[in-house]
Amino acid sequence: MDPPGYNCFVDRDKMDAAVQDLGPKELSCTELQELKQLARQGYWARSYALRGKVYQRLIRDIPCRTVTPDASVYSDIVGKIVGKHSTSSLPLPEFVDNTQVPSYCLNPRGEGAVRKILLCIANQFPDVSFCPALPAVVALLLHYSTDEAQCFENACRILACNDPSRKLMDQSFLAFESSCMTFGDLVNKYCQAAHKLMVAVSEDVLQVYADWQRWLFGELPLNYFARVFDVFLVEGYKVLYRVALAILKFFHKVRAGQPLESDSVKQDIRAFVRDIAKTVSPEKLLEKAFAIRLFSRKEIQLLQMANEKALKQKGITVKQKRQFVHLAVHAENFHSEIVSVKEMRDIWSWVPERFALCQPLLLFSSLQHGYSLTRFYFQCEGHEPTLLLIKTTHKEVCGAYLSTDWSERNKFGGKVAFFGTGECFVFRLQPEVQRYEWVVIKHPELTKPVSLEVPATPSPPCRPVSSDPADRLSPFLAARHFNLPSKTESMFMAGGNDCLIIGGGGGQALYIDGDLNRGRTGHCDTFNNQPLCSENFLIAAVEAWGFQDPDTQ
């Protein structure tokens, strides 16, 4: 006997090639950890009937708003909303942002049902203003629903989830855009090789990453998307980040040696995802996804909150009429004696996304303000974060992204002491591009759970933690969120009257003297870096850049 809905909405010939109903017929486990393992292993993936049962159970267990539209509501409203329109000509709600409905082996009746259900959802959820992922979700759920009304109810339950710790779908442009920014932050940290390729070939790498949800909700073939959705219903939103990062890693592996054009990168990735079966199986994709060591769901949520806050502060809460929300470095307004516009855009792609919304603002130039560290501090104080650029007399270029206001140095009574957070990083641009981040990012095992007890060894100096989680900047990278086994891994930036130091512990990533004439560079424990230029160098120019809100220009 056919599973429920199989003949109603699905093209049987296409499904026979896509799904073989060979798996187990029942699922008895109730423990979350066991469900996680079974979902990741694809326990119900080979049984069309069992997957339907599991989806109904998992969706039924989602905690929802008190009043959540159900199947009876759909029966009451669908005729009034759809009227006498042909289902094939029904318009899609505005909140799907012109997203195409994925076919997912649906027959014409199924494709029309998706449109009807979306329109009824729009009627019942006026607060949903931007949700381009929803057509893919509804199209998939139709496979495992007895009728349109049940599919409508299941989609409504996903949208109406009211567990604050269990985000499921972005439902506003603000949430969607901050998710894109958060994905960019994660790529920056966990896919550095792929990121380096994207920066090299993309005019605006942030726009490439803003496409990440489309890879999952639309471009992935049905059997891949269903496997992702299996795990998503059990584990939540962070699964989507993991799978998208894995896709980017595989794309880089396949395309790293092939030519890429800047105007086609987005299309190239979409095409790669559509044809992903040529490269990797669903099992390998999920295996790669869960091999990426991310931090906790709570910390990702905090990062998303920080990005949302940055968008709100810049007035970006609804979809803009202009094509891009992200603001690249404007060539007509930018001039540096050290780096080109392209190089500055490369650096901009490394900074946390909430600051990539800003424009570079020249704070200090040794050619304009003189070769004086005192003057450097005077020009930079009051700005956070800042970007330090150095050009040597041998035309080498290196620098550092510095998370904290240089005025922090005044808290130590004239003594040179380290401060800053784990967002700091050092880099070189000439003769080759290389970035070095806080060693703990790649080796989280250096951290241990935060204890409320006062540690025997004083913690590195840092700011008091705000009671408002949204005020924490890049929480999963900030030094204050870790108790480190030693101070050496958290020596980010220090300054006195006679010198400026970036990175410490067993050496210094950058040391500059008080006259801004001489410097040295070497390996340090904080960044585990190679020398950023000649180990002892003479300085030709120093610049410090701040981050200016577009509204203040």
Protein backbone atom coordinates (compact mmCIF):
# COMPACT_ATOMS: atom_id res chain seq x y z
CA MET A 1 0.00 0.00 0.00
CA ASP A 2 1.29 3.47 -0.81
CA PRO A 3 2.31 5.76 2.06
CA PRO A 4 -0.09 8.65 2.79
CA GLY A 5 0.09 11.41 0.20
CA TYR A 6 2.32 9.49 -2.19
CA ASN A 7 -0.18 9.46 -5.07
CA CYS A 8 -1.87 12.73 -4.17
CA PHE A 9 0.93 15.24 -4.66
CA VAL A 10 3.91 13.32 -5.99
CA ASP A 11 5.03 12.28 -9.47
CA ARG A 12 5.31 8.54 -8.92
CA ASP A 13 7.81 7.97 -11.74
CA LYS A 14 10.23 10.56 -10.34
CA MET A 15 9.84 9.26 -6.80
CA ASP A 16 10.59 5.66 -7.76
CA ALA A 17 14.02 6.84 -8.90
CA ALA A 18 14.55 9.07 -5.85
CA VAL A 19 13.26 6.94 -2.97
CA GLN A 20 13.29 3.21 -2.35
CA ASP A 21 11.07 2.26 0.58
CA LEU A 22 13.40 -0.34 2.07
CA GLY A 23 13.99 0.78 5.63
CA PRO A 24 12.47 -0.04 9.04
CA LYS A 25 8.78 0.60 9.62
CA GLU A 26 8.75 1.69 13.27
CA LEU A 27 10.69 3.97 15.61
CA SER A 28 10.43 3.25 19.32
CA CYS A 29 13.10 5.48 20.89
CA THR A 30 12.11 8.62 22.83
CA GLU A 31 15.45 9.87 24.19
CA LEU A 32 16.78 13.00 22.47
CA GLN A 33 20.38 11.78 22.25
CA GLU A 34 19.31 8.53 20.59
CA LEU A 35 17.05 10.44 18.20
CA LYS A 36 20.01 12.66 17.26
CA GLN A 37 22.16 9.67 16.42
CA LEU A 38 19.39 7.96 14.43
CA ALA A 39 18.65 11.16 12.49
CA ARG A 40 22.31 11.69 11.63
CA GLN A 41 22.68 8.05 10.60
CA GLY A 42 19.62 8.23 8.35
CA TYR A 43 17.67 5.57 10.25
CA TRP A 44 14.32 6.58 8.73
CA ALA A 45 15.74 7.96 5.46
CA ARG A 46 15.19 4.71 3.52
CA SER A 47 11.58 4.30 4.60
CA TYR A 48 9.14 6.76 3.08
CA ALA A 49 6.40 5.61 5.44
CA LEU A 50 8.54 5.77 8.59
CA ARG A 51 9.88 9.22 7.73
CA GLY A 52 6.28 10.42 7.49
CA LYS A 53 5.48 9.00 10.92
CA VAL A 54 8.63 10.51 12.45
CA TYR A 55 7.94 13.95 10.96
CA GLN A 56 4.40 13.94 12.37
CA ARG A 57 5.72 12.99 15.79
CA LEU A 58 8.59 15.50 15.85
CA ILE A 59 6.39 18.36 14.61
CA ARG A 60 3.62 17.45 17.06
CA ASP A 61 6.15 17.75 19.90
CA ILE A 62 7.22 21.31 18.93
CA PRO A 63 6.15 23.73 21.70
CA CYS A 64 3.89 26.28 20.03
CA ARG A 65 1.91 29.43 20.69
CA THR A 66 -1.39 28.88 22.47
CA VAL A 67 -3.35 29.68 19.34
CA THR A 68 -1.71 27.96 16.39
CA PRO A 69 -3.73 27.41 13.18
CA ASP A 70 -4.54 23.74 12.60
CA ALA A 71 -6.02 21.61 9.82
CA SER A 72 -9.58 22.74 10.53
CA VAL A 73 -8.57 26.38 10.09
CA TYR A 74 -7.19 25.54 6.65
CA SER A 75 -10.45 23.87 5.65
CA ASP A 76 -12.34 26.99 6.71
CA ILE A 77 -10.20 29.58 4.91
CA VAL A 78 -8.69 27.97 1.81
CA GLY A 79 -11.76 28.47 -0.38
CA LYS A 80 -12.10 32.13 0.61
CA ILE A 81 -8.43 32.90 -0.01
CA VAL A 82 -7.85 30.92 -3.19
CA GLY A 83 -11.29 31.52 -4.69
CA LYS A 84 -11.70 30.40 -8.28
CA HIS A 85 -8.09 30.97 -9.27
CA SER A 86 -6.22 28.24 -11.09
CA THR A 87 -3.65 26.88 -8.66
CA SER A 88 -0.90 27.17 -11.27
CA SER A 89 -1.51 30.92 -11.56
CA LEU A 90 -1.73 31.66 -7.83
CA PRO A 91 0.70 34.38 -6.75
CA LEU A 92 3.20 33.65 -4.00
CA PRO A 93 3.09 35.72 -0.81
CA GLU A 94 5.51 38.64 -0.71
CA PHE A 95 7.40 37.20 2.26
CA VAL A 96 8.92 34.41 0.13
CA ASP A 97 10.83 37.13 -1.80
CA ASN A 98 10.18 35.74 -5.30
CA THR A 99 11.63 32.37 -4.30
CA GLN A 100 10.79 29.62 -6.75
CA VAL A 101 8.89 26.62 -5.39
CA PRO A 102 11.25 23.61 -5.60
CA SER A 103 9.69 20.77 -7.59
CA TYR A 104 10.90 18.00 -5.23
CA CYS A 105 9.20 15.38 -7.44
CA LEU A 106 5.79 17.04 -6.95
CA ASN A 107 3.16 16.68 -9.65
CA PRO A 108 1.16 19.73 -10.87
CA ARG A 109 -1.41 19.20 -8.11
CA GLY A 110 1.37 19.21 -5.50
CA GLU A 111 2.98 22.36 -6.90
CA GLY A 112 -0.40 24.10 -6.80
CA ALA A 113 -0.98 22.87 -3.24
CA VAL A 114 2.25 24.52 -2.12
CA ARG A 115 0.99 27.88 -3.40
CA LYS A 116 -2.40 27.46 -1.71
CA ILE A 117 -0.81 26.54 1.60
CA LEU A 118 1.63 29.46 1.45
CA LEU A 119 -1.20 31.93 0.83
CA CYS A 120 -3.18 30.53 3.76
CA ILE A 121 -0.09 30.77 5.99
CA ALA A 122 0.33 34.41 4.95
CA ASN A 123 -3.27 35.02 5.99
CA GLN A 124 -2.78 33.44 9.41
CA PHE A 125 0.72 34.80 10.13
CA PRO A 126 0.69 38.54 9.31
CA ASP A 127 3.82 38.91 11.48
CA VAL A 128 5.86 36.75 9.06
CA SER A 129 7.38 39.37 6.77
CA PHE A 130 10.35 37.57 5.20
CA CYS A 131 10.70 33.79 4.94
CA PRO A 132 12.18 32.63 1.61
CA ALA A 133 12.90 29.16 3.05
CA LEU A 134 9.21 28.35 3.53
CA PRO A 135 8.32 27.11 -0.01
CA ALA A 136 10.96 24.36 0.25
CA VAL A 137 9.72 23.31 3.68
CA VAL A 138 6.08 23.16 2.56
CA ALA A 139 7.02 21.25 -0.60
CA LEU A 140 8.88 18.65 1.44
CA LEU A 141 6.16 18.36 4.08
CA LEU A 142 3.57 17.66 1.36
CA HIS A 143 5.31 14.33 0.76
CA TYR A 144 4.49 13.24 4.29
CA SER A 145 1.03 14.74 4.77
CA THR A 146 -2.29 13.01 4.16
CA ASP A 147 -3.75 16.18 2.65
CA GLU A 148 -3.14 19.91 2.24
CA ALA A 149 -4.71 20.69 5.61
CA GLN A 150 -2.26 18.47 7.50
CA CYS A 151 0.70 19.98 5.62
CA PHE A 152 -0.61 23.46 6.50
CA GLU A 153 -0.87 22.50 10.19
CA ASN A 154 2.66 21.09 10.26
CA ALA A 155 4.14 24.18 8.61
CA CYS A 156 2.23 26.40 11.05
CA ARG A 157 3.62 24.50 14.02
CA ILE A 158 7.17 25.05 12.77
CA LEU A 159 6.50 28.78 12.37
CA ALA A 160 4.71 29.05 15.73
CA CYS A 161 7.47 27.45 17.81
CA ASN A 162 7.71 29.50 21.02
CA ASP A 163 10.70 27.85 22.65
CA PRO A 164 13.27 30.68 22.83
CA SER A 165 16.14 28.18 22.86
CA ARG A 166 14.89 26.40 19.73
CA LYS A 167 14.91 28.73 16.77
CA LEU A 168 13.60 27.01 13.64
CA MET A 169 13.00 29.53 10.84
CA ASP A 170 13.84 33.15 10.09
CA GLN A 171 10.56 35.06 9.74
CA SER A 172 11.73 38.66 9.22
CA PHE A 173 14.34 40.35 7.07
CA LEU A 174 16.21 41.36 10.22
CA ALA A 175 16.44 37.73 11.38
CA PHE A 176 17.34 36.53 7.88
CA GLU A 177 20.05 39.13 7.35
CA SER A 178 21.60 38.58 10.78
CA SER A 179 21.65 34.84 10.00
CA CYS A 180 23.57 35.63 6.81
CA MET A 181 25.99 37.75 8.81
CA THR A 182 26.39 34.98 11.37
CA PHE A 183 27.10 32.50 8.58
CA GLY A 184 29.74 34.89 7.25
CA ASP A 185 31.32 35.02 10.70
CA LEU A 186 31.38 31.21 10.87
CA VAL A 187 32.89 30.86 7.39
CA ASN A 188 35.52 33.38 8.40
CA LYS A 189 36.53 31.18 11.33
CA TYR A 190 35.97 27.60 10.21
CA CYS A 191 36.41 27.58 6.41
CA GLN A 192 39.48 29.73 5.98
CA ALA A 193 40.72 28.04 2.80
CA ALA A 194 37.32 28.42 1.13
CA HIS A 195 37.03 31.96 2.44
CA LYS A 196 40.41 32.85 0.96
CA LEU A 197 39.22 31.59 -2.44
CA MET A 198 35.93 33.52 -2.18
CA VAL A 199 37.76 36.72 -1.28
CA ALA A 200 40.12 36.28 -4.23
CA VAL A 201 37.38 35.86 -6.83
CA SER A 202 34.39 37.75 -5.41
CA GLU A 203 33.63 41.42 -5.84
CA ASP A 204 31.60 41.25 -2.62
CA VAL A 205 32.16 38.05 -0.64
CA LEU A 206 29.41 38.98 1.82
CA GLN A 207 26.87 38.68 -0.97
CA VAL A 208 28.11 35.17 -1.77
CA TYR A 209 27.51 34.13 1.84
CA ALA A 210 24.10 35.85 1.89
CA ASP A 211 23.04 33.09 -0.53
CA TRP A 212 23.64 30.30 2.00
CA GLN A 213 20.01 29.51 2.79
CA ARG A 214 19.20 29.16 -0.90
CA TRP A 215 21.82 26.39 -1.14
CA LEU A 216 19.80 24.40 1.40
CA PHE A 217 16.22 25.49 0.70
CA GLY A 218 15.97 25.13 -3.03
CA GLU A 219 19.20 24.02 -4.68
CA LEU A 220 19.90 20.81 -2.74
CA PRO A 221 18.31 17.75 -4.38
CA LEU A 222 15.30 16.27 -2.59
CA ASN A 223 17.06 13.29 -1.00
CA TYR A 224 19.80 15.55 0.37
CA PHE A 225 17.41 18.19 1.66
CA ALA A 226 15.26 15.53 3.33
CA ARG A 227 18.32 14.17 5.16
CA VAL A 228 19.18 17.66 6.36
CA PHE A 229 15.56 18.22 7.41
CA ASP A 230 15.58 14.93 9.36
CA VAL A 231 18.35 16.26 11.59
CA PHE A 232 17.02 19.83 11.60
CA LEU A 233 13.71 18.75 13.16
CA VAL A 234 15.62 17.04 15.97
CA GLU A 235 18.49 19.47 16.58
CA GLY A 236 17.33 22.84 15.28
CA TYR A 237 18.80 25.76 13.36
CA LYS A 238 22.50 25.18 14.02
CA VAL A 239 22.30 22.11 11.74
CA LEU A 240 21.69 24.46 8.80
CA TYR A 241 24.89 26.38 9.52
CA ARG A 242 26.86 23.15 9.73
CA VAL A 243 25.58 21.77 6.43
CA ALA A 244 26.12 25.07 4.58
CA LEU A 245 29.69 25.22 5.89
CA ALA A 246 30.24 21.64 4.71
CA ILE A 247 28.88 22.55 1.25
CA LEU A 248 31.36 25.42 1.03
CA LYS A 249 34.22 23.16 2.09
CA PHE A 250 33.36 20.61 -0.61
CA PHE A 251 32.94 23.37 -3.22
CA HIS A 252 36.40 24.66 -2.38
CA LYS A 253 37.89 21.17 -2.57
CA VAL A 254 36.42 20.59 -6.03
CA ARG A 255 36.89 24.06 -7.52
CA ALA A 256 40.11 25.32 -5.88
CA GLY A 257 42.22 24.45 -8.91
CA GLN A 258 39.73 25.66 -11.50
CA PRO A 259 39.20 29.21 -12.79
CA LEU A 260 36.36 31.16 -11.18
CA GLU A 261 34.92 34.44 -12.38
CA SER A 262 33.82 37.10 -9.89
CA ASP A 263 30.48 37.65 -11.61
CA SER A 264 29.55 33.96 -11.55
CA VAL A 265 30.65 32.66 -8.14
CA LYS A 266 27.12 32.65 -6.72
CA GLN A 267 25.83 30.81 -9.77
CA ASP A 268 28.78 28.40 -9.65
CA ILE A 269 28.01 27.44 -6.04
CA ARG A 270 24.30 27.05 -6.81
CA ALA A 271 25.13 24.78 -9.76
CA PHE A 272 27.54 22.79 -7.59
CA VAL A 273 24.82 22.26 -4.97
CA ARG A 274 22.26 21.21 -7.58
CA ASP A 275 24.74 18.62 -8.90
CA ILE A 276 26.21 17.71 -5.53
CA ALA A 277 25.49 14.01 -6.12
CA LYS A 278 28.44 13.99 -8.55
CA THR A 279 30.76 14.91 -5.69
CA VAL A 280 29.50 13.70 -2.34
CA SER A 281 26.76 11.49 -0.89
CA PRO A 282 24.22 12.71 1.69
CA GLU A 283 26.05 10.63 4.29
CA LYS A 284 29.40 12.27 3.53
CA LEU A 285 27.83 15.73 3.53
CA LEU A 286 26.40 15.23 7.02
CA GLU A 287 29.60 13.58 8.20
CA LYS A 288 31.58 16.63 7.11
CA ALA A 289 28.98 18.95 8.66
CA PHE A 290 29.23 17.36 12.09
CA ALA A 291 33.01 17.09 11.95
CA ILE A 292 33.21 20.91 12.10
CA ARG A 293 33.87 21.90 15.68
CA LEU A 294 31.50 24.73 16.51
CA PHE A 295 30.70 26.20 19.86
CA SER A 296 27.38 25.88 21.66
CA ARG A 297 23.95 26.75 20.34
CA LYS A 298 23.68 29.39 23.03
CA GLU A 299 26.85 31.09 21.86
CA ILE A 300 25.68 31.09 18.24
CA GLN A 301 22.42 32.66 19.41
CA LEU A 302 24.38 35.38 21.19
CA LEU A 303 26.38 36.07 18.04
CA GLN A 304 23.16 36.34 16.05
CA MET A 305 21.81 38.79 18.65
CA ALA A 306 24.94 40.93 18.30
CA ASN A 307 24.51 41.00 14.52
CA GLU A 308 20.81 41.86 14.84
CA LYS A 309 21.72 44.70 17.16
CA ALA A 310 24.23 46.07 14.65
CA LEU A 311 21.61 45.97 11.89
CA LYS A 312 19.05 47.74 14.07
CA GLN A 313 21.55 50.44 14.95
CA LYS A 314 22.05 51.10 11.24
CA GLY A 315 18.32 51.10 10.54
CA ILE A 316 18.40 47.92 8.45
CA THR A 317 15.28 46.07 9.60
CA VAL A 318 13.38 45.53 6.35
CA LYS A 319 14.49 44.59 2.85
CA GLN A 320 16.08 47.62 1.23
CA LYS A 321 15.26 48.89 -2.24
CA ARG A 322 18.93 48.96 -3.08
CA GLN A 323 20.31 45.66 -4.31
CA PHE A 324 22.79 45.05 -1.52
CA VAL A 325 22.48 45.53 2.21
CA HIS A 326 26.17 44.99 2.84
CA LEU A 327 28.35 47.96 2.14
CA ALA A 328 31.66 47.27 0.48
CA VAL A 329 34.61 49.65 0.75
CA HIS A 330 33.75 52.54 -1.57
CA ALA A 331 36.55 53.12 -4.05
CA GLU A 332 35.72 56.79 -4.60
CA ASN A 333 36.00 57.63 -0.89
CA PHE A 334 38.99 55.49 0.00
CA HIS A 335 42.67 56.43 -0.10
CA SER A 336 45.55 54.76 1.69
CA GLU A 337 49.32 55.06 1.34
CA ILE A 338 49.65 51.38 2.30
CA VAL A 339 46.86 49.27 0.77
CA SER A 340 44.73 49.30 -2.37
CA VAL A 341 40.93 49.27 -2.42
CA LYS A 342 41.00 45.55 -3.28
CA GLU A 343 43.33 44.80 -0.35
CA MET A 344 41.14 46.78 2.03
CA ARG A 345 38.10 44.85 0.81
CA ASP A 346 39.99 41.64 1.52
CA ILE A 347 40.68 42.81 5.08
CA TRP A 348 37.03 43.90 5.42
CA SER A 349 35.96 40.35 4.61
CA TRP A 350 37.87 39.14 7.68
CA VAL A 351 36.35 41.46 10.26
CA PRO A 352 33.23 40.46 12.21
CA GLU A 353 30.17 40.96 10.04
CA ARG A 354 28.58 43.59 12.27
CA PHE A 355 31.58 45.87 11.59
CA ALA A 356 31.72 44.99 7.89
CA LEU A 357 28.54 47.09 7.61
CA CYS A 358 30.71 50.15 8.35
CA GLN A 359 33.01 52.15 6.11
CA PRO A 360 36.75 52.56 6.81
CA LEU A 361 37.66 55.84 8.51
CA LEU A 362 41.30 56.96 8.55
CA LEU A 363 42.22 57.80 12.15
CA PHE A 364 45.99 58.07 11.96
CA SER A 365 48.59 58.29 9.22
CA SER A 366 52.28 58.64 10.01
CA LEU A 367 52.68 60.60 6.78
CA GLN A 368 50.04 63.11 7.95
CA HIS A 369 50.36 63.07 11.75
CA GLY A 370 54.05 62.28 12.18
CA TYR A 371 55.99 59.30 13.50
CA SER A 372 54.85 59.45 17.12
CA LEU A 373 53.24 56.71 19.22
CA THR A 374 51.75 59.34 21.52
CA ARG A 375 50.03 60.95 18.55
CA PHE A 376 48.89 57.49 17.38
CA TYR A 377 47.15 56.86 20.72
CA PHE A 378 45.61 60.33 20.71
CA GLN A 379 44.08 59.82 17.26
CA CYS A 380 42.83 56.29 17.99
CA GLU A 381 41.37 56.63 21.48
CA GLY A 382 37.60 56.51 21.54
CA HIS A 383 37.43 54.14 18.57
CA GLU A 384 36.66 50.45 18.86
CA PRO A 385 37.62 48.34 16.98
CA THR A 386 40.57 49.62 14.96
CA LEU A 387 42.73 48.34 12.13
CA LEU A 388 46.53 48.75 12.22
CA LEU A 389 48.44 48.77 8.91
CA ILE A 390 52.23 48.79 8.56
CA LYS A 391 54.37 49.18 5.45
CA THR A 392 58.08 48.43 5.75
CA THR A 393 60.91 50.02 3.79
CA HIS A 394 61.10 46.74 1.85
CA LYS A 395 57.46 47.26 0.77
CA GLU A 396 56.16 44.45 2.95
CA VAL A 397 52.64 45.06 4.33
CA CYS A 398 51.22 43.58 7.51
CA GLY A 399 48.87 44.59 10.30
CA ALA A 400 46.35 43.67 12.95
CA TYR A 401 42.63 43.90 13.67
CA LEU A 402 42.29 45.16 17.25
CA SER A 403 39.02 44.63 19.07
CA THR A 404 39.41 47.08 21.95
CA ASP A 405 39.87 50.83 22.44
CA TRP A 406 43.51 51.76 23.00
CA SER A 407 42.39 53.86 25.99
CA GLU A 408 42.21 50.57 27.94
CA ARG A 409 45.98 50.76 28.36
CA ASN A 410 45.52 53.68 30.79
CA LYS A 411 43.98 51.37 33.38
CA PHE A 412 47.32 49.80 34.26
CA GLY A 413 49.12 52.78 35.74
CA GLY A 414 51.69 53.19 33.01
CA LYS A 415 52.68 49.51 33.03
CA VAL A 416 52.54 47.56 29.80
CA ALA A 417 49.73 45.01 30.20
CA PHE A 418 47.65 43.05 27.76
CA PHE A 419 43.96 43.58 27.04
CA GLY A 420 41.53 42.97 24.17
CA THR A 421 39.42 39.97 23.16
CA GLY A 422 39.73 36.85 21.03
CA GLU A 423 38.43 38.69 17.98
CA CYS A 424 41.89 40.23 17.48
CA PHE A 425 43.94 38.83 14.63
CA VAL A 426 47.16 39.63 12.78
CA PHE A 427 47.86 39.36 9.06
CA ARG A 428 50.24 40.03 6.22
CA LEU A 429 49.28 41.25 2.74
CA GLN A 430 52.63 41.60 0.96
CA PRO A 431 54.44 39.62 -0.32
CA GLU A 432 51.64 37.07 0.31
CA VAL A 433 48.26 37.07 2.04
CA GLN A 434 47.97 35.22 5.34
CA ARG A 435 45.84 35.72 8.45
CA TYR A 436 46.50 34.38 11.95
CA GLU A 437 43.74 34.21 14.55
CA TRP A 438 43.66 33.50 18.25
CA VAL A 439 45.03 29.99 18.74
CA VAL A 440 41.99 29.01 20.85
CA ILE A 441 39.71 29.35 17.80
CA LYS A 442 41.40 26.37 16.16
CA HIS A 443 42.10 24.59 19.45
CA PRO A 444 39.07 25.02 21.73
CA GLU A 445 40.43 22.20 23.89
CA LEU A 446 42.71 24.86 25.42
CA THR A 447 39.65 26.21 27.18
CA LYS A 448 37.81 24.79 30.12
CA PRO A 449 34.32 25.50 31.47
CA VAL A 450 33.94 28.87 33.14
CA SER A 451 33.99 28.58 36.92
CA LEU A 452 32.43 31.03 39.35
CA GLU A 453 35.39 30.59 41.68
CA VAL A 454 38.22 33.10 41.65
CA PRO A 455 41.09 31.45 39.71
CA ALA A 456 44.48 31.05 41.37
CA THR A 457 46.12 32.72 38.37
CA PRO A 458 44.62 36.14 37.60
CA SER A 459 42.59 36.19 34.43
CA PRO A 460 43.72 38.48 31.63
CA PRO A 461 42.29 41.97 32.10
CA CYS A 462 38.95 42.43 30.41
CA ARG A 463 35.80 44.43 30.65
CA PRO A 464 32.94 43.60 32.99
CA VAL A 465 30.40 41.33 31.33
CA SER A 466 27.18 43.15 30.51
CA SER A 467 24.00 41.68 31.90
CA ASP A 468 22.47 42.10 28.44
CA PRO A 469 23.67 39.19 26.25
CA ALA A 470 23.17 41.28 23.12
CA ASP A 471 25.88 43.66 24.36
CA ARG A 472 28.53 40.95 24.23
CA LEU A 473 30.58 41.28 21.09
CA SER A 474 31.21 38.05 19.19
CA PRO A 475 30.54 36.05 22.34
CA PHE A 476 31.97 32.73 21.26
CA LEU A 477 35.31 34.36 20.46
CA ALA A 478 35.57 36.84 23.34
CA ALA A 479 38.32 36.07 25.84
CA ARG A 480 36.07 36.74 28.78
CA HIS A 481 34.04 33.62 27.99
CA PHE A 482 36.94 31.30 28.78
CA ASN A 483 39.11 30.41 31.74
CA LEU A 484 42.42 29.75 30.08
CA PRO A 485 45.08 27.37 31.44
CA SER A 486 47.66 30.14 31.12
CA LYS A 487 47.75 33.82 30.22
CA THR A 488 49.92 33.32 27.15
CA GLU A 489 47.05 32.27 24.88
CA SER A 490 45.13 35.47 25.58
CA MET A 491 47.74 38.21 25.17
CA PHE A 492 46.14 40.28 22.46
CA MET A 493 47.26 43.93 22.57
CA ALA A 494 49.36 46.12 24.88
CA GLY A 495 50.70 49.63 24.74
CA GLY A 496 52.96 51.95 26.69
CA ASN A 497 54.78 55.21 26.02
CA ASP A 498 57.76 53.42 24.53
CA CYS A 499 56.22 50.60 22.53
CA LEU A 500 53.13 48.95 21.10
CA ILE A 501 52.76 45.15 21.19
CA ILE A 502 50.32 42.84 19.42
CA GLY A 503 50.29 39.20 20.55
CA GLY A 504 52.40 37.76 23.32
CA GLY A 505 53.54 34.60 25.05
CA GLY A 506 56.87 33.15 23.98
CA GLY A 507 57.37 36.02 21.53
CA GLN A 508 55.49 38.91 19.97
CA ALA A 509 53.55 38.98 16.71
CA LEU A 510 54.29 42.70 16.32
CA TYR A 511 56.43 45.12 18.29
CA ILE A 512 56.71 48.79 17.30
CA ASP A 513 58.92 51.34 19.05
CA GLY A 514 57.76 54.69 20.41
CA ASP A 515 59.05 56.61 17.39
CA LEU A 516 57.22 54.39 14.91
CA ASN A 517 60.52 53.87 13.16
CA ARG A 518 61.51 50.30 13.94
CA GLY A 519 59.68 47.07 14.58
CA ARG A 520 60.09 43.36 14.88
CA THR A 521 57.87 40.36 14.35
CA GLY A 522 58.02 36.71 15.31
CA HIS A 523 56.03 33.73 16.49
CA CYS A 524 53.79 34.24 19.52
CA ASP A 525 51.61 31.81 21.43
CA THR A 526 48.46 33.94 21.13
CA PHE A 527 48.24 33.65 17.33
CA ASN A 528 50.68 30.81 16.62
CA ASN A 529 51.86 32.90 13.69
CA GLN A 530 54.85 32.98 11.41
CA PRO A 531 56.74 36.31 11.19
CA LEU A 532 54.51 38.82 9.42
CA CYS A 533 57.39 40.35 7.46
CA SER A 534 61.18 40.62 7.91
CA GLU A 535 61.82 39.82 11.57
CA ASN A 536 63.49 43.17 12.19
CA PHE A 537 62.15 45.91 9.97
CA LEU A 538 62.18 49.65 9.35
CA ILE A 539 58.81 51.36 9.02
CA ALA A 540 57.92 53.36 5.92
CA ALA A 541 54.33 54.14 6.95
CA VAL A 542 51.78 53.37 9.67
CA GLU A 543 48.03 53.83 9.43
CA ALA A 544 45.16 53.21 11.84
CA TRP A 545 41.63 52.87 10.56
CA GLY A 546 38.32 52.99 12.40
CA PHE A 547 34.83 51.82 11.43
CA GLN A 548 32.38 54.56 10.48
CA ASP A 549 28.62 54.08 10.38
CA PRO A 550 27.31 54.95 6.90
CA ASP A 551 24.70 57.24 8.46
CA THR A 552 27.41 59.50 9.91
CA GLN A 553 29.26 60.07 6.66
